[in-house]
Amino acid sequence: MLQALPFTYCHIAEDADRAIPLLEQALALETDYAAAHAALAWCYHFRFRLRLKQEDRALAVRHARTAIAHGADDPTALGIAGFVVALDEHDQATALSVFDRALTLGNSNIFALCCGAQISNCPTRAPLSLRILSIPRPVATLCLDCGQVPPNTLPSRIEQLTPLVFTD
């Protein structure tokens, strides 16, 4: 798994090609390793986004679902899996539930925060956005600074609450 990490999160199909066999080796040793399933879901997701092969999409969703099933205590695996389920399977309800679970486990997990913010950043998904805004200021600021939760796109209720959340 560690050998795959430099190639896993680069958002480049060729790096995903290098990471996938290494992650599959990790799963050969431990089939229910949620972190490896989430990393594979991420790799297949970017291969699908860049190459548009449906088999990559199907594998991304399969590994994301497996990560959710086995990653009950891993907010990073859940954050990645929720992102892939939302974008590749178009199951926003499950993704939002998974993000909520991930943030319950660790409210400063960058994958749960940024991926959750990206998926929840519309008026119909205000509850998760409110939860993201209620986290400690340095983490929320990081998430906002990353451009994942632009304040001008959030519902007016969140805009009203922002001064209360971000007071010094």
Protein backbone atom coordinates (compact mmCIF):
# COMPACT_ATOMS: atom_id res chain seq x y z
CA MET A 1 0.00 0.00 0.00
CA LEU A 2 2.73 2.49 0.93
CA GLN A 3 4.55 1.94 -2.36
CA ALA A 4 1.38 2.94 -4.21
CA LEU A 5 0.75 6.21 -2.37
CA PRO A 6 3.04 8.45 -4.47
CA PHE A 7 1.05 7.42 -7.55
CA THR A 8 -2.41 7.23 -6.02
CA TYR A 9 -3.41 10.86 -5.50
CA CYS A 10 -1.84 12.56 -8.54
CA HIS A 11 -5.00 12.71 -10.69
CA ILE A 12 -3.00 11.39 -13.65
CA ALA A 13 -4.12 8.22 -15.42
CA GLU A 14 -0.56 6.99 -15.96
CA ASP A 15 0.18 7.28 -12.24
CA ALA A 16 -3.03 5.41 -11.47
CA ASP A 17 -1.80 2.69 -13.85
CA ARG A 18 1.30 2.38 -11.68
CA ALA A 19 -0.61 2.42 -8.38
CA ILE A 20 -3.32 -0.12 -9.27
CA PRO A 21 -1.13 -3.27 -9.34
CA LEU A 22 0.49 -2.27 -6.05
CA LEU A 23 -2.88 -1.72 -4.41
CA GLU A 24 -4.15 -5.02 -5.78
CA GLN A 25 -1.14 -6.71 -4.15
CA ALA A 26 -2.18 -5.17 -0.83
CA LEU A 27 -5.70 -6.52 -1.29
CA ALA A 28 -4.32 -9.97 -2.11
CA LEU A 29 -2.85 -9.96 1.41
CA GLU A 30 -5.89 -8.46 3.13
CA THR A 31 -9.10 -8.53 1.08
CA ASP A 32 -11.12 -6.25 3.38
CA TYR A 33 -8.49 -3.48 3.67
CA ALA A 34 -10.72 -0.41 3.35
CA ALA A 35 -7.87 2.04 2.71
CA ALA A 36 -6.63 -0.01 -0.26
CA HIS A 37 -10.17 -0.29 -1.67
CA ALA A 38 -10.63 3.47 -1.32
CA ALA A 39 -7.29 4.17 -3.02
CA LEU A 40 -8.22 1.82 -5.86
CA ALA A 41 -11.60 3.54 -6.17
CA TRP A 42 -9.77 6.88 -6.45
CA CYS A 43 -7.38 5.54 -9.11
CA TYR A 44 -10.14 3.98 -11.20
CA HIS A 45 -12.21 7.15 -10.80
CA PHE A 46 -9.47 9.28 -12.34
CA ARG A 47 -8.82 6.75 -15.07
CA PHE A 48 -12.53 6.86 -15.88
CA ARG A 49 -12.62 10.67 -15.84
CA LEU A 50 -9.61 10.90 -18.14
CA ARG A 51 -10.16 7.91 -20.43
CA LEU A 52 -13.94 7.45 -20.23
CA LYS A 53 -13.83 3.64 -20.06
CA GLN A 54 -16.94 2.25 -18.40
CA GLU A 55 -15.01 -0.65 -16.89
CA ASP A 56 -12.95 1.88 -14.91
CA ARG A 57 -16.14 3.50 -13.67
CA ALA A 58 -17.58 0.14 -12.62
CA LEU A 59 -14.37 -0.79 -10.79
CA ALA A 60 -14.26 2.61 -9.09
CA VAL A 61 -17.79 2.13 -7.77
CA ARG A 62 -17.16 -1.48 -6.73
CA HIS A 63 -14.07 -0.56 -4.73
CA ALA A 64 -15.79 2.49 -3.23
CA ARG A 65 -18.71 0.36 -2.06
CA THR A 66 -16.29 -2.18 -0.59
CA ALA A 67 -14.40 0.58 1.21
CA ILE A 68 -17.68 1.80 2.70
CA ALA A 69 -18.57 -1.71 3.81
CA HIS A 70 -15.20 -2.32 5.49
CA GLY A 71 -14.18 1.21 6.47
CA ALA A 72 -16.57 1.94 9.33
CA ASP A 73 -13.70 3.36 11.41
CA ASP A 74 -11.65 5.02 8.65
CA PRO A 75 -12.73 8.58 7.77
CA THR A 76 -10.24 8.84 4.90
CA ALA A 77 -11.53 5.68 3.23
CA LEU A 78 -15.10 6.86 3.75
CA GLY A 79 -14.36 10.34 2.40
CA ILE A 80 -12.78 8.99 -0.78
CA ALA A 81 -15.46 6.33 -1.22
CA GLY A 82 -18.28 8.84 -0.78
CA PHE A 83 -16.74 11.09 -3.42
CA VAL A 84 -16.48 8.25 -5.93
CA VAL A 85 -20.01 7.01 -5.21
CA ALA A 86 -21.37 10.51 -5.73
CA LEU A 87 -19.55 11.22 -8.99
CA ASP A 88 -19.37 7.82 -10.65
CA GLU A 89 -22.52 6.11 -9.38
CA HIS A 90 -24.52 9.34 -8.98
CA ASP A 91 -25.79 8.21 -5.57
CA GLN A 92 -25.66 11.48 -3.68
CA ALA A 93 -27.84 10.22 -0.81
CA THR A 94 -25.40 7.45 0.04
CA ALA A 95 -22.42 9.75 -0.45
CA LEU A 96 -23.81 12.38 1.92
CA SER A 97 -24.52 9.71 4.52
CA VAL A 98 -20.96 8.40 4.16
CA PHE A 99 -19.49 11.91 4.48
CA ASP A 100 -21.54 12.48 7.61
CA ARG A 101 -20.25 9.20 9.07
CA ALA A 102 -16.67 10.14 8.17
CA LEU A 103 -16.98 13.56 9.80
CA THR A 104 -18.41 11.92 12.91
CA LEU A 105 -15.25 9.81 13.12
CA GLY A 106 -12.85 12.67 12.46
CA ASN A 107 -14.07 16.20 11.88
CA SER A 108 -10.66 17.34 10.64
CA ASN A 109 -10.13 14.67 7.98
CA ILE A 110 -9.19 16.51 4.78
CA PHE A 111 -10.72 13.92 2.44
CA ALA A 112 -14.04 13.89 4.28
CA LEU A 113 -14.05 17.69 4.44
CA CYS A 114 -13.01 18.58 0.90
CA CYS A 115 -14.75 15.74 -0.90
CA GLY A 116 -17.85 16.23 1.22
CA ALA A 117 -17.82 19.96 0.61
CA GLN A 118 -17.50 19.50 -3.12
CA ILE A 119 -20.45 17.12 -3.28
CA SER A 120 -22.61 18.98 -0.76
CA ASN A 121 -21.99 22.45 -2.16
CA CYS A 122 -25.49 23.23 -3.30
CA PRO A 123 -28.59 24.60 -1.54
CA THR A 124 -30.35 21.24 -1.31
CA ARG A 125 -27.49 19.79 0.72
CA ALA A 126 -27.24 22.46 3.42
CA PRO A 127 -27.11 20.10 6.46
CA LEU A 128 -23.71 18.66 5.52
CA SER A 129 -22.42 22.11 4.57
CA LEU A 130 -23.51 23.36 7.98
CA ARG A 131 -21.65 20.50 9.61
CA ILE A 132 -18.51 21.35 7.63
CA LEU A 133 -18.79 24.98 8.70
CA SER A 134 -19.18 23.96 12.35
CA ILE A 135 -15.75 22.35 12.55
CA PRO A 136 -12.80 24.09 14.23
CA ARG A 137 -11.83 27.34 12.54
CA PRO A 138 -8.37 26.37 11.22
CA VAL A 139 -9.74 23.29 9.49
CA ALA A 140 -12.79 25.09 8.12
CA THR A 141 -10.58 27.90 6.87
CA LEU A 142 -8.36 25.38 5.12
CA CYS A 143 -11.36 23.82 3.45
CA LEU A 144 -12.68 27.22 2.40
CA ASP A 145 -9.25 28.33 1.21
CA CYS A 146 -9.01 25.21 -0.96
CA GLY A 147 -11.99 26.57 -2.86
CA GLN A 148 -14.15 23.59 -2.01
CA VAL A 149 -16.83 25.58 -0.20
CA PRO A 150 -17.13 29.02 -1.78
CA PRO A 151 -19.27 31.04 0.65
CA ASN A 152 -21.12 32.86 -2.13
CA THR A 153 -22.63 29.58 -3.37
CA LEU A 154 -23.98 28.35 -0.05
CA PRO A 155 -27.60 28.85 0.94
CA SER A 156 -28.48 32.09 2.68
CA ARG A 157 -28.91 30.31 6.01
CA ILE A 158 -25.30 29.18 5.97
CA GLU A 159 -24.19 32.68 5.04
CA GLN A 160 -26.10 33.95 8.08
CA LEU A 161 -24.40 31.39 10.33
CA THR A 162 -20.87 31.92 9.01
CA PRO A 163 -20.14 34.98 11.22
CA LEU A 164 -21.26 32.98 14.25
CA VAL A 165 -19.01 30.05 13.37
CA PHE A 166 -15.94 32.11 12.43
CA THR A 167 -15.81 34.61 15.27
CA ASP A 168 -12.46 35.16 16.97
